[in-house]
PDB file of N, CA and C in Angstrom:
ATOM      1  N   MET A   1     174.911-105.836  30.279  1.00  0.00           N
ATOM      2  CA  MET A   1     175.795-104.852  30.885  1.00  0.00           C
ATOM      3  C   MET A   1     175.349-104.645  32.323  1.00  0.00           C
ATOM      4  N   LYS A   2     176.316-104.648  33.206  1.00  0.00           N
ATOM      5  CA  LYS A   2     176.023-104.423  34.614  1.00  0.00           C
ATOM      6  C   LYS A   2     175.567-102.983  34.836  1.00  0.00           C
ATOM      7  N   ASN A   3     174.679-102.797  35.787  1.00  0.00           N
ATOM      8  CA  ASN A   3     174.135-101.475  36.057  1.00  0.00           C
ATOM      9  C   ASN A   3     175.230-100.481  36.448  1.00  0.00           C
ATOM     10  N   SER A   4     176.235-100.942  37.180  1.00  0.00           N
ATOM     11  CA  SER A   4     177.320-100.039  37.591  1.00  0.00           C
ATOM     12  C   SER A   4     178.072 -99.488  36.376  1.00  0.00           C
ATOM     13  N   ILE A   5     178.234-100.318  35.361  1.00  0.00           N
ATOM     14  CA  ILE A   5     178.912 -99.873  34.140  1.00  0.00           C
ATOM     15  C   ILE A   5     178.010 -98.921  33.365  1.00  0.00           C
ATOM     16  N   LYS A   6     176.738 -99.243  33.307  1.00  0.00           N
ATOM     17  CA  LYS A   6     175.773 -98.390  32.602  1.00  0.00           C
ATOM     18  C   LYS A   6     175.765 -96.984  33.203  1.00  0.00           C
ATOM     19  N   ILE A   7     175.761 -96.894  34.505  1.00  0.00           N
ATOM     20  CA  ILE A   7     175.768 -95.590  35.173  1.00  0.00           C
ATOM     21  C   ILE A   7     177.086 -94.868  34.915  1.00  0.00           C
ATOM     22  N   GLU A   8     178.204 -95.582  35.010  1.00  0.00           N
ATOM     23  CA  GLU A   8     179.513 -94.967  34.763  1.00  0.00           C
ATOM     24  C   GLU A   8     179.615 -94.422  33.336  1.00  0.00           C
ATOM     25  N   LEU A   9     179.215 -95.214  32.367  1.00  0.00           N
ATOM     26  CA  LEU A   9     179.306 -94.770  30.976  1.00  0.00           C
ATOM     27  C   LEU A   9     178.309 -93.658  30.668  1.00  0.00           C
ATOM     28  N   THR A  10     177.185 -93.673  31.323  1.00  0.00           N
ATOM     29  CA  THR A  10     176.210 -92.586  31.182  1.00  0.00           C
ATOM     30  C   THR A  10     176.814 -91.278  31.659  1.00  0.00           C
ATOM     31  N   ARG A  11     177.459 -91.308  32.796  1.00  0.00           N
ATOM     32  CA  ARG A  11     178.097 -90.091  33.331  1.00  0.00           C
ATOM     33  C   ARG A  11     179.258 -89.643  32.431  1.00  0.00           C
ATOM     34  N   TYR A  12     179.981 -90.591  31.890  1.00  0.00           N
ATOM     35  CA  TYR A  12     181.070 -90.284  30.964  1.00  0.00           C
ATOM     36  C   TYR A  12     180.527 -89.588  29.721  1.00  0.00           C
ATOM     37  N   LEU A  13     179.462 -90.126  29.149  1.00  0.00           N
ATOM     38  CA  LEU A  13     178.849 -89.508  27.969  1.00  0.00           C
ATOM     39  C   LEU A  13     178.316 -88.119  28.294  1.00  0.00           C
ATOM     40  N   LEU A  14     177.742 -87.966  29.463  1.00  0.00           N
ATOM     41  CA  LEU A  14     177.234 -86.662  29.885  1.00  0.00           C
ATOM     42  C   LEU A  14     178.372 -85.647  29.969  1.00  0.00           C
ATOM     43  N   ASP A  15     179.519 -86.063  30.486  1.00  0.00           N
ATOM     44  CA  ASP A  15     180.698 -85.185  30.521  1.00  0.00           C
ATOM     45  C   ASP A  15     181.125 -84.788  29.112  1.00  0.00           C
ATOM     46  N   LEU A  16     181.103 -85.740  28.182  1.00  0.00           N
ATOM     47  CA  LEU A  16     181.488 -85.442  26.802  1.00  0.00           C
ATOM     48  C   LEU A  16     180.521 -84.464  26.144  1.00  0.00           C
ATOM     49  N   VAL A  17     179.250 -84.582  26.466  1.00  0.00           N
ATOM     50  CA  VAL A  17     178.262 -83.629  25.947  1.00  0.00           C
ATOM     51  C   VAL A  17     178.542 -82.248  26.536  1.00  0.00           C
ATOM     52  N   ASP A  18     178.739 -82.183  27.838  1.00  0.00           N
ATOM     53  CA  ASP A  18     178.990 -80.900  28.507  1.00  0.00           C
ATOM     54  C   ASP A  18     180.281 -80.234  28.038  1.00  0.00           C
ATOM     55  N   GLU A  19     181.279 -81.051  27.679  1.00  0.00           N
ATOM     56  CA  GLU A  19     182.555 -80.514  27.201  1.00  0.00           C
ATOM     57  C   GLU A  19     182.520 -80.146  25.717  1.00  0.00           C
ATOM     58  N   GLY A  20     181.425 -80.447  25.046  1.00  0.00           N
ATOM     59  CA  GLY A  20     181.295 -80.123  23.630  1.00  0.00           C
ATOM     60  C   GLY A  20     181.975 -81.113  22.706  1.00  0.00           C
ATOM     61  N   VAL A  21     182.361 -82.271  23.223  1.00  0.00           N
ATOM     62  CA  VAL A  21     182.984 -83.297  22.387  1.00  0.00           C
ATOM     63  C   VAL A  21     181.937 -83.940  21.482  1.00  0.00           C
ATOM     64  N   LEU A  22     180.755 -84.182  22.028  1.00  0.00           N
ATOM     65  CA  LEU A  22     179.654 -84.723  21.242  1.00  0.00           C
ATOM     66  C   LEU A  22     178.724 -83.577  20.882  1.00  0.00           C
ATOM     67  N   THR A  23     178.490 -83.402  19.594  1.00  0.00           N
ATOM     68  CA  THR A  23     177.672 -82.289  19.123  1.00  0.00           C
ATOM     69  C   THR A  23     176.658 -82.780  18.096  1.00  0.00           C
ATOM     70  N   ASN A  24     175.751 -81.904  17.716  1.00  0.00           N
ATOM     71  CA  ASN A  24     174.790 -82.238  16.665  1.00  0.00           C
ATOM     72  C   ASN A  24     175.484 -82.415  15.317  1.00  0.00           C
ATOM     73  N   ASP A  25     176.601 -81.740  15.124  1.00  0.00           N
ATOM     74  CA  ASP A  25     177.332 -81.835  13.857  1.00  0.00           C
ATOM     75  C   ASP A  25     177.920 -83.221  13.613  1.00  0.00           C
ATOM     76  N   ASP A  26     178.177 -83.961  14.689  1.00  0.00           N
ATOM     77  CA  ASP A  26     178.799 -85.275  14.531  1.00  0.00           C
ATOM     78  C   ASP A  26     177.966 -86.393  15.152  1.00  0.00           C
ATOM     79  N   ALA A  27     176.643 -86.272  15.104  1.00  0.00           N
ATOM     80  CA  ALA A  27     175.762 -87.254  15.744  1.00  0.00           C
ATOM     81  C   ALA A  27     176.037 -88.682  15.266  1.00  0.00           C
ATOM     82  N   GLY A  28     176.382 -88.844  14.025  1.00  0.00           N
ATOM     83  CA  GLY A  28     176.687 -90.172  13.509  1.00  0.00           C
ATOM     84  C   GLY A  28     178.014 -90.717  13.994  1.00  0.00           C
ATOM     85  N   GLU A  29     178.801 -89.883  14.628  1.00  0.00           N
ATOM     86  CA  GLU A  29     180.127 -90.274  15.095  1.00  0.00           C
ATOM     87  C   GLU A  29     180.238 -90.295  16.623  1.00  0.00           C
ATOM     88  N   TRP A  30     179.125 -90.190  17.333  1.00  0.00           N
ATOM     89  CA  TRP A  30     179.180 -90.162  18.794  1.00  0.00           C
ATOM     90  C   TRP A  30     179.895 -91.379  19.370  1.00  0.00           C
ATOM     91  N   HIS A  31     179.576 -92.560  18.862  1.00  0.00           N
ATOM     92  CA  HIS A  31     180.211 -93.764  19.394  1.00  0.00           C
ATOM     93  C   HIS A  31     181.714 -93.735  19.144  1.00  0.00           C
ATOM     94  N   PHE A  32     182.116 -93.356  17.950  1.00  0.00           N
ATOM     95  CA  PHE A  32     183.539 -93.278  17.641  1.00  0.00           C
ATOM     96  C   PHE A  32     184.235 -92.269  18.556  1.00  0.00           C
ATOM     97  N   GLU A  33     183.670 -91.068  18.654  1.00  0.00           N
ATOM     98  CA  GLU A  33     184.275 -90.009  19.476  1.00  0.00           C
ATOM     99  C   GLU A  33     184.386 -90.414  20.940  1.00  0.00           C
ATOM    100  N   ALA A  34     183.373 -91.070  21.453  1.00  0.00           N
ATOM    101  CA  ALA A  34     183.344 -91.411  22.876  1.00  0.00           C
ATOM    102  C   ALA A  34     184.162 -92.655  23.213  1.00  0.00           C
ATOM    103  N   PHE A  35     184.136 -93.651  22.334  1.00  0.00           N
ATOM    104  CA  PHE A  35     184.670 -94.953  22.727  1.00  0.00           C
ATOM    105  C   PHE A  35     185.725 -95.544  21.803  1.00  0.00           C
ATOM    106  N   ASN A  36     186.134 -94.779  20.779  1.00  0.00           N
ATOM    107  CA  ASN A  36     187.114 -95.346  19.864  1.00  0.00           C
ATOM    108  C   ASN A  36     188.235 -94.368  19.512  1.00  0.00           C
ATOM    109  N   ALA A  37     187.993 -93.088  19.638  1.00  0.00           N
ATOM    110  CA  ALA A  37     189.001 -92.098  19.264  1.00  0.00           C
ATOM    111  C   ALA A  37     190.208 -92.142  20.207  1.00  0.00           C
ATOM    112  N   ASP A  38     189.985 -92.581  21.425  1.00  0.00           N
ATOM    113  CA  ASP A  38     191.050 -92.668  22.420  1.00  0.00           C
ATOM    114  C   ASP A  38     190.677 -93.768  23.406  1.00  0.00           C
ATOM    115  N   TYR A  39     191.651 -94.183  24.187  1.00  0.00           N
ATOM    116  CA  TYR A  39     191.370 -95.177  25.218  1.00  0.00           C
ATOM    117  C   TYR A  39     190.451 -94.594  26.271  1.00  0.00           C
ATOM    118  N   TYR A  40     189.518 -95.410  26.740  1.00  0.00           N
ATOM    119  CA  TYR A  40     188.664 -95.022  27.860  1.00  0.00           C
ATOM    120  C   TYR A  40     189.479 -95.048  29.147  1.00  0.00           C
ATOM    121  N   LEU A  41     190.309 -96.062  29.285  1.00  0.00           N
ATOM    122  CA  LEU A  41     191.099 -96.245  30.500  1.00  0.00           C
ATOM    123  C   LEU A  41     192.463 -96.792  30.102  1.00  0.00           C
ATOM    124  N   THR A  42     193.518 -96.295  30.735  1.00  0.00           N
ATOM    125  CA  THR A  42     194.865 -96.769  30.429  1.00  0.00           C
ATOM    126  C   THR A  42     195.526 -97.339  31.674  1.00  0.00           C
ATOM    127  N   GLY A  43     196.497 -98.180  31.424  1.00  0.00           N
ATOM    128  CA  GLY A  43     197.276 -98.783  32.504  1.00  0.00           C
ATOM    129  C   GLY A  43     196.700-100.117  32.931  1.00  0.00           C
ATOM    130  N   TYR A  44     197.540-101.115  33.001  1.00  0.00           N
ATOM    131  CA  TYR A  44     197.085-102.454  33.373  1.00  0.00           C
ATOM    132  C   TYR A  44     196.481-102.456  34.778  1.00  0.00           C
ATOM    133  N   PHE A  45     197.125-101.781  35.703  1.00  0.00           N
ATOM    134  CA  PHE A  45     196.607-101.757  37.078  1.00  0.00           C
ATOM    135  C   PHE A  45     195.222-101.129  37.110  1.00  0.00           C
ATOM    136  N   ASN A  46     195.077 -99.964  36.464  1.00  0.00           N
ATOM    137  CA  ASN A  46     193.774 -99.288  36.452  1.00  0.00           C
ATOM    138  C   ASN A  46     192.698-100.159  35.817  1.00  0.00           C
ATOM    139  N   CYS A  47     193.061-100.846  34.757  1.00  0.00           N
ATOM    140  CA  CYS A  47     192.088-101.694  34.070  1.00  0.00           C
ATOM    141  C   CYS A  47     191.738-102.927  34.899  1.00  0.00           C
ATOM    142  N   ASN A  48     192.725-103.499  35.567  1.00  0.00           N
ATOM    143  CA  ASN A  48     192.438-104.619  36.473  1.00  0.00           C
ATOM    144  C   ASN A  48     191.505-104.178  37.595  1.00  0.00           C
ATOM    145  N   MET A  49     191.754-102.994  38.134  1.00  0.00           N
ATOM    146  CA  MET A  49     190.899-102.470  39.206  1.00  0.00           C
ATOM    147  C   MET A  49     189.485-102.194  38.686  1.00  0.00           C
ATOM    148  N   TRP A  50     189.360-101.724  37.448  1.00  0.00           N
ATOM    149  CA  TRP A  50     188.052-101.472  36.853  1.00  0.00           C
ATOM    150  C   TRP A  50     187.253-102.771  36.758  1.00  0.00           C
ATOM    151  N   LEU A  51     187.910-103.826  36.298  1.00  0.00           N
ATOM    152  CA  LEU A  51     187.245-105.129  36.225  1.00  0.00           C
ATOM    153  C   LEU A  51     186.800-105.588  37.606  1.00  0.00           C
ATOM    154  N   GLN A  52     187.666-105.433  38.595  1.00  0.00           N
ATOM    155  CA  GLN A  52     187.315-105.827  39.957  1.00  0.00           C
ATOM    156  C   GLN A  52     186.171-104.977  40.502  1.00  0.00           C
ATOM    157  N   MET A  53     186.236-103.677  40.273  1.00  0.00           N
ATOM    158  CA  MET A  53     185.208-102.761  40.772  1.00  0.00           C
ATOM    159  C   MET A  53     183.834-103.145  40.233  1.00  0.00           C
ATOM    160  N   HIS A  54     183.799-103.610  38.979  1.00  0.00           N
ATOM    161  CA  HIS A  54     182.529-103.987  38.361  1.00  0.00           C
ATOM    162  C   HIS A  54     182.256-105.488  38.473  1.00  0.00           C
ATOM    163  N   ASN A  55     183.099-106.164  39.247  1.00  0.00           N
ATOM    164  CA  ASN A  55     182.924-107.592  39.515  1.00  0.00           C
ATOM    165  C   ASN A  55     182.839-108.413  38.216  1.00  0.00           C
ATOM    166  N   ILE A  56     183.804-108.177  37.348  1.00  0.00           N
ATOM    167  CA  ILE A  56     183.881-108.900  36.077  1.00  0.00           C
ATOM    168  C   ILE A  56     185.146-109.751  36.081  1.00  0.00           C
ATOM    169  N   ASP A  57     184.964-111.025  35.891  1.00  0.00           N
ATOM    170  CA  ASP A  57     186.085-111.938  35.783  1.00  0.00           C
ATOM    171  C   ASP A  57     186.816-111.661  34.463  1.00  0.00           C
ATOM    172  N   PRO A  58     188.142-111.606  34.474  1.00  0.00           N
ATOM    173  CA  PRO A  58     188.880-111.337  33.238  1.00  0.00           C
ATOM    174  C   PRO A  58     188.559-112.304  32.098  1.00  0.00           C
ATOM    175  N   PHE A  59     188.339-113.580  32.420  1.00  0.00           N
ATOM    176  CA  PHE A  59     187.996-114.548  31.382  1.00  0.00           C
ATOM    177  C   PHE A  59     186.606-114.279  30.805  1.00  0.00           C
ATOM    178  N   GLU A  60     185.693-113.853  31.668  1.00  0.00           N
ATOM    179  CA  GLU A  60     184.355-113.468  31.207  1.00  0.00           C
ATOM    180  C   GLU A  60     184.460-112.266  30.269  1.00  0.00           C
ATOM    181  N   ALA A  61     185.307-111.307  30.621  1.00  0.00           N
ATOM    182  CA  ALA A  61     185.489-110.112  29.798  1.00  0.00           C
ATOM    183  C   ALA A  61     186.021-110.476  28.416  1.00  0.00           C
ATOM    184  N   VAL A  62     187.016-111.333  28.370  1.00  0.00           N
ATOM    185  CA  VAL A  62     187.580-111.775  27.087  1.00  0.00           C
ATOM    186  C   VAL A  62     186.508-112.499  26.275  1.00  0.00           C
ATOM    187  N   SER A  63     185.734-113.317  26.929  1.00  0.00           N
ATOM    188  CA  SER A  63     184.675-114.057  26.257  1.00  0.00           C
ATOM    189  C   SER A  63     183.634-113.117  25.639  1.00  0.00           C
ATOM    190  N   ILE A  64     183.273-112.059  26.342  1.00  0.00           N
ATOM    191  CA  ILE A  64     182.323-111.072  25.824  1.00  0.00           C
ATOM    192  C   ILE A  64     182.889-110.406  24.569  1.00  0.00           C
ATOM    193  N   CYS A  65     184.154-110.048  24.630  1.00  0.00           N
ATOM    194  CA  CYS A  65     184.804-109.395  23.485  1.00  0.00           C
ATOM    195  C   CYS A  65     184.854-110.325  22.286  1.00  0.00           C
ATOM    196  N   GLN A  66     185.217-111.571  22.510  1.00  0.00           N
ATOM    197  CA  GLN A  66     185.307-112.525  21.408  1.00  0.00           C
ATOM    198  C   GLN A  66     183.932-112.821  20.820  1.00  0.00           C
ATOM    199  N   GLN A  67     182.915-112.927  21.658  1.00  0.00           N
ATOM    200  CA  GLN A  67     181.568-113.187  21.167  1.00  0.00           C
ATOM    201  C   GLN A  67     181.063-112.019  20.323  1.00  0.00           C
ATOM    202  N   TYR A  68     181.373-110.804  20.754  1.00  0.00           N
ATOM    203  CA  TYR A  68     181.001-109.613  19.988  1.00  0.00           C
ATOM    204  C   TYR A  68     181.623-109.674  18.590  1.00  0.00           C
ATOM    205  N   GLU A  69     182.891-110.044  18.535  1.00  0.00           N
ATOM    206  CA  GLU A  69     183.568-110.134  17.238  1.00  0.00           C
ATOM    207  C   GLU A  69     182.952-111.223  16.357  1.00  0.00           C
ATOM    208  N   ARG A  70     182.661-112.364  16.944  1.00  0.00           N
ATOM    209  CA  ARG A  70     182.034-113.443  16.163  1.00  0.00           C
ATOM    210  C   ARG A  70     180.671-113.002  15.635  1.00  0.00           C
ATOM    211  N   ASP A  71     179.893-112.333  16.487  1.00  0.00           N
ATOM    212  CA  ASP A  71     178.548-111.890  16.086  1.00  0.00           C
ATOM    213  C   ASP A  71     178.592-110.822  14.997  1.00  0.00           C
ATOM    214  N   ASN A  72     179.597-109.953  15.051  1.00  0.00           N
ATOM    215  CA  ASN A  72     179.644-108.824  14.127  1.00  0.00           C
ATOM    216  C   ASN A  72     180.561-109.026  12.924  1.00  0.00           C
ATOM    217  N   TYR A  73     181.575-109.886  13.063  1.00  0.00           N
ATOM    218  CA  TYR A  73     182.556-110.044  11.991  1.00  0.00           C
ATOM    219  C   TYR A  73     182.711-111.487  11.522  1.00  0.00           C
ATOM    220  N   GLY A  74     182.032-112.409  12.184  1.00  0.00           N
ATOM    221  CA  GLY A  74     182.100-113.806  11.784  1.00  0.00           C
ATOM    222  C   GLY A  74     183.261-114.583  12.355  1.00  0.00           C
ATOM    223  N   ASP A  75     184.201-113.901  12.992  1.00  0.00           N
ATOM    224  CA  ASP A  75     185.380-114.554  13.560  1.00  0.00           C
ATOM    225  C   ASP A  75     185.968-113.629  14.615  1.00  0.00           C
ATOM    226  N   THR A  76     186.938-114.115  15.362  1.00  0.00           N
ATOM    227  CA  THR A  76     187.616-113.271  16.340  1.00  0.00           C
ATOM    228  C   THR A  76     188.927-112.779  15.747  1.00  0.00           C
ATOM    229  N   TYR A  77     189.181-111.503  15.927  1.00  0.00           N
ATOM    230  CA  TYR A  77     190.381-110.888  15.375  1.00  0.00           C
ATOM    231  C   TYR A  77     191.268-110.266  16.453  1.00  0.00           C
ATOM    232  N   GLY A  78     190.654-109.838  17.532  1.00  0.00           N
ATOM    233  CA  GLY A  78     191.413-109.188  18.596  1.00  0.00           C
ATOM    234  C   GLY A  78     192.171-110.189  19.440  1.00  0.00           C
ATOM    235  N   ILE A  79     193.283-109.743  19.956  1.00  0.00           N
ATOM    236  CA  ILE A  79     194.063-110.547  20.899  1.00  0.00           C
ATOM    237  C   ILE A  79     193.954-109.846  22.248  1.00  0.00           C
ATOM    238  N   TYR A  80     193.218-110.450  23.147  1.00  0.00           N
ATOM    239  CA  TYR A  80     192.952-109.848  24.449  1.00  0.00           C
ATOM    240  C   TYR A  80     193.887-110.458  25.479  1.00  0.00           C
ATOM    241  N   ASP A  81     195.147-110.068  25.351  1.00  0.00           N
ATOM    242  CA  ASP A  81     196.182-110.644  26.202  1.00  0.00           C
ATOM    243  C   ASP A  81     196.551-109.747  27.384  1.00  0.00           C
ATOM    244  N   ASN A  82     195.814-108.641  27.550  1.00  0.00           N
ATOM    245  CA  ASN A  82     196.048-107.806  28.721  1.00  0.00           C
ATOM    246  C   ASN A  82     194.760-107.061  29.078  1.00  0.00           C
ATOM    247  N   SER A  83     194.717-106.591  30.290  1.00  0.00           N
ATOM    248  CA  SER A  83     193.494-105.963  30.796  1.00  0.00           C
ATOM    249  C   SER A  83     193.180-104.651  30.085  1.00  0.00           C
ATOM    250  N   GLU A  84     194.188-103.940  29.613  1.00  0.00           N
ATOM    251  CA  GLU A  84     193.949-102.665  28.952  1.00  0.00           C
ATOM    252  C   GLU A  84     193.182-102.856  27.634  1.00  0.00           C
ATOM    253  N   LYS A  85     193.623-103.786  26.825  1.00  0.00           N
ATOM    254  CA  LYS A  85     192.919-104.076  25.567  1.00  0.00           C
ATOM    255  C   LYS A  85     191.501-104.569  25.850  1.00  0.00           C
ATOM    256  N   THR A  86     191.395-105.434  26.833  1.00  0.00           N
ATOM    257  CA  THR A  86     190.109-106.050  27.142  1.00  0.00           C
ATOM    258  C   THR A  86     189.103-105.034  27.660  1.00  0.00           C
ATOM    259  N   VAL A  87     189.509-104.218  28.613  1.00  0.00           N
ATOM    260  CA  VAL A  87     188.598-103.224  29.188  1.00  0.00           C
ATOM    261  C   VAL A  87     188.163-102.221  28.128  1.00  0.00           C
ATOM    262  N   ASN A  88     189.083-101.758  27.315  1.00  0.00           N
ATOM    263  CA  ASN A  88     188.717-100.771  26.305  1.00  0.00           C
ATOM    264  C   ASN A  88     187.790-101.362  25.243  1.00  0.00           C
ATOM    265  N   MET A  89     187.945-102.630  24.929  1.00  0.00           N
ATOM    266  CA  MET A  89     187.011-103.267  24.005  1.00  0.00           C
ATOM    267  C   MET A  89     185.652-103.452  24.666  1.00  0.00           C
ATOM    268  N   LEU A  90     185.638-103.823  25.929  1.00  0.00           N
ATOM    269  CA  LEU A  90     184.365-103.945  26.645  1.00  0.00           C
ATOM    270  C   LEU A  90     183.620-102.614  26.663  1.00  0.00           C
ATOM    271  N   VAL A  91     184.336-101.560  26.944  1.00  0.00           N
ATOM    272  CA  VAL A  91     183.720-100.233  26.976  1.00  0.00           C
ATOM    273  C   VAL A  91     183.216 -99.850  25.584  1.00  0.00           C
ATOM    274  N   TYR A  92     183.960-100.204  24.564  1.00  0.00           N
ATOM    275  CA  TYR A  92     183.524 -99.976  23.182  1.00  0.00           C
ATOM    276  C   TYR A  92     182.184-100.680  22.935  1.00  0.00           C
ATOM    277  N   ILE A  93     182.106-101.934  23.337  1.00  0.00           N
ATOM    278  CA  ILE A  93     180.891-102.742  23.144  1.00  0.00           C
ATOM    279  C   ILE A  93     179.733-102.160  23.942  1.00  0.00           C
ATOM    280  N   TYR A  94     179.974-101.897  25.224  1.00  0.00           N
ATOM    281  CA  TYR A  94     178.906-101.394  26.080  1.00  0.00           C
ATOM    282  C   TYR A  94     178.484 -99.977  25.687  1.00  0.00           C
ATOM    283  N   GLY A  95     179.425 -99.186  25.198  1.00  0.00           N
ATOM    284  CA  GLY A  95     179.093 -97.843  24.729  1.00  0.00           C
ATOM    285  C   GLY A  95     178.184 -97.895  23.520  1.00  0.00           C
ATOM    286  N   GLU A  96     178.472 -98.808  22.607  1.00  0.00           N
ATOM    287  CA  GLU A  96     177.620 -98.995  21.435  1.00  0.00           C
ATOM    288  C   GLU A  96     176.220 -99.418  21.869  1.00  0.00           C
ATOM    289  N   GLU A  97     176.161-100.343  22.796  1.00  0.00           N
ATOM    290  CA  GLU A  97     174.879-100.826  23.309  1.00  0.00           C
ATOM    291  C   GLU A  97     174.080 -99.687  23.952  1.00  0.00           C
ATOM    292  N   LEU A  98     174.748 -98.876  24.735  1.00  0.00           N
ATOM    293  CA  LEU A  98     174.092 -97.775  25.437  1.00  0.00           C
ATOM    294  C   LEU A  98     173.568 -96.722  24.463  1.00  0.00           C
ATOM    295  N   LEU A  99     174.386 -96.324  23.525  1.00  0.00           N
ATOM    296  CA  LEU A  99     173.942 -95.322  22.544  1.00  0.00           C
ATOM    297  C   LEU A  99     172.816 -95.862  21.658  1.00  0.00           C
ATOM    298  N   ASN A 100     172.866 -97.134  21.324  1.00  0.00           N
ATOM    299  CA  ASN A 100     171.777 -97.738  20.545  1.00  0.00           C
ATOM    300  C   ASN A 100     170.483 -97.774  21.347  1.00  0.00           C
ATOM    301  N   GLU A 101     170.612 -97.980  22.633  1.00  0.00           N
ATOM    302  CA  GLU A 101     169.438 -97.993  23.510  1.00  0.00           C
ATOM    303  C   GLU A 101     168.770 -96.617  23.538  1.00  0.00           C
ATOM    304  N   PHE A 102     169.561 -95.566  23.568  1.00  0.00           N
ATOM    305  CA  PHE A 102     169.017 -94.205  23.624  1.00  0.00           C
ATOM    306  C   PHE A 102     168.371 -93.788  22.306  1.00  0.00           C
ATOM    307  N   GLN A 103     168.964 -94.129  21.201  1.00  0.00           N
ATOM    308  CA  GLN A 103     168.491 -93.745  19.876  1.00  0.00           C
ATOM    309  C   GLN A 103     168.209 -92.238  19.773  1.00  0.00           C
ATOM    310  N   ALA A 104     169.067 -91.450  20.376  1.00  0.00           N
ATOM    311  CA  ALA A 104     168.925 -89.989  20.327  1.00  0.00           C
ATOM    312  C   ALA A 104     169.396 -89.471  18.978  1.00  0.00           C
ATOM    313  N   GLU A 105     168.722 -88.441  18.507  1.00  0.00           N
ATOM    314  CA  GLU A 105     169.087 -87.850  17.220  1.00  0.00           C
ATOM    315  C   GLU A 105     169.780 -86.500  17.364  1.00  0.00           C
ATOM    316  N   THR A 106     169.598 -85.864  18.508  1.00  0.00           N
ATOM    317  CA  THR A 106     170.255 -84.582  18.756  1.00  0.00           C
ATOM    318  C   THR A 106     171.000 -84.661  20.072  1.00  0.00           C
ATOM    319  N   VAL A 107     171.975 -83.791  20.238  1.00  0.00           N
ATOM    320  CA  VAL A 107     172.741 -83.779  21.480  1.00  0.00           C
ATOM    321  C   VAL A 107     171.846 -83.361  22.657  1.00  0.00           C
ATOM    322  N   GLU A 108     170.861 -82.528  22.393  1.00  0.00           N
ATOM    323  CA  GLU A 108     169.935 -82.115  23.449  1.00  0.00           C
ATOM    324  C   GLU A 108     169.097 -83.308  23.923  1.00  0.00           C
ATOM    325  N   GLU A 109     168.643 -84.098  22.982  1.00  0.00           N
ATOM    326  CA  GLU A 109     167.880 -85.301  23.319  1.00  0.00           C
ATOM    327  C   GLU A 109     168.768 -86.297  24.069  1.00  0.00           C
ATOM    328  N   LEU A 110     169.997 -86.464  23.602  1.00  0.00           N
ATOM    329  CA  LEU A 110     170.939 -87.358  24.270  1.00  0.00           C
ATOM    330  C   LEU A 110     171.181 -86.902  25.698  1.00  0.00           C
ATOM    331  N   LYS A 111     171.402 -85.619  25.889  1.00  0.00           N
ATOM    332  CA  LYS A 111     171.661 -85.103  27.233  1.00  0.00           C
ATOM    333  C   LYS A 111     170.470 -85.340  28.155  1.00  0.00           C
ATOM    334  N   MET A 112     169.267 -85.138  27.664  1.00  0.00           N
ATOM    335  CA  MET A 112     168.085 -85.357  28.473  1.00  0.00           C
ATOM    336  C   MET A 112     168.005 -86.823  28.915  1.00  0.00           C
ATOM    337  N   LEU A 113     168.243 -87.734  27.985  1.00  0.00           N
ATOM    338  CA  LEU A 113     168.196 -89.164  28.309  1.00  0.00           C
ATOM    339  C   LEU A 113     169.314 -89.549  29.276  1.00  0.00           C
ATOM    340  N   LEU A 114     170.489 -88.980  29.077  1.00  0.00           N
ATOM    341  CA  LEU A 114     171.619 -89.252  29.980  1.00  0.00           C
ATOM    342  C   LEU A 114     171.312 -88.755  31.390  1.00  0.00           C
ATOM    343  N   LEU A 115     170.750 -87.577  31.490  1.00  0.00           N
ATOM    344  CA  LEU A 115     170.412 -87.034  32.800  1.00  0.00           C
ATOM    345  C   LEU A 115     169.383 -87.900  33.522  1.00  0.00           C
ATOM    346  N   LEU A 116     168.416 -88.384  32.789  1.00  0.00           N
ATOM    347  CA  LEU A 116     167.421 -89.268  33.388  1.00  0.00           C
ATOM    348  C   LEU A 116     168.055 -90.536  33.935  1.00  0.00           C
ATOM    349  N   LEU A 117     168.929 -91.120  33.174  1.00  0.00           N
ATOM    350  CA  LEU A 117     169.583 -92.354  33.589  1.00  0.00           C
ATOM    351  C   LEU A 117     170.609 -92.110  34.692  1.00  0.00           C
ATOM    352  N   ALA A 118     171.308 -90.986  34.653  1.00  0.00           N
ATOM    353  CA  ALA A 118     172.340 -90.685  35.656  1.00  0.00           C
ATOM    354  C   ALA A 118     171.737 -90.499  37.045  1.00  0.00           C
ATOM    355  N   ASP A 119     170.469 -90.127  37.111  1.00  0.00           N
ATOM    356  CA  ASP A 119     169.811 -89.933  38.401  1.00  0.00           C
ATOM    357  C   ASP A 119     169.437 -91.232  39.097  1.00  0.00           C
ATOM    358  N   LEU A 120     169.514 -92.352  38.392  1.00  0.00           N
ATOM    359  CA  LEU A 120     169.152 -93.628  38.993  1.00  0.00           C
ATOM    360  C   LEU A 120     170.106 -94.060  40.063  1.00  0.00           C
TER     361      LEU A 120
END
């Protein structure tokens, strides 16, 4: 994951903690709440710009998504025929990676780790 994406998603998670979306009551559902309950980004133009901003080639993005599916499900199931689907799947993947890296058990611990990383 590119550092620019890591910082962006860290700030996004910090906002969700501050807004009370992520709580101790749903610690096992943080990834779902943050990256699966709704789209991270909508609109083809916005998603194309997001890829450009993070210097990600669209074909590279599709390849990352397909590899994730092969690694986790044994085959590819998603059809990444537009930037919106692709970006939201990438964010899903990177969000999972980021939360696994933190291994926080409480929202207070998560917030502390997010704040440390957001200052970079």
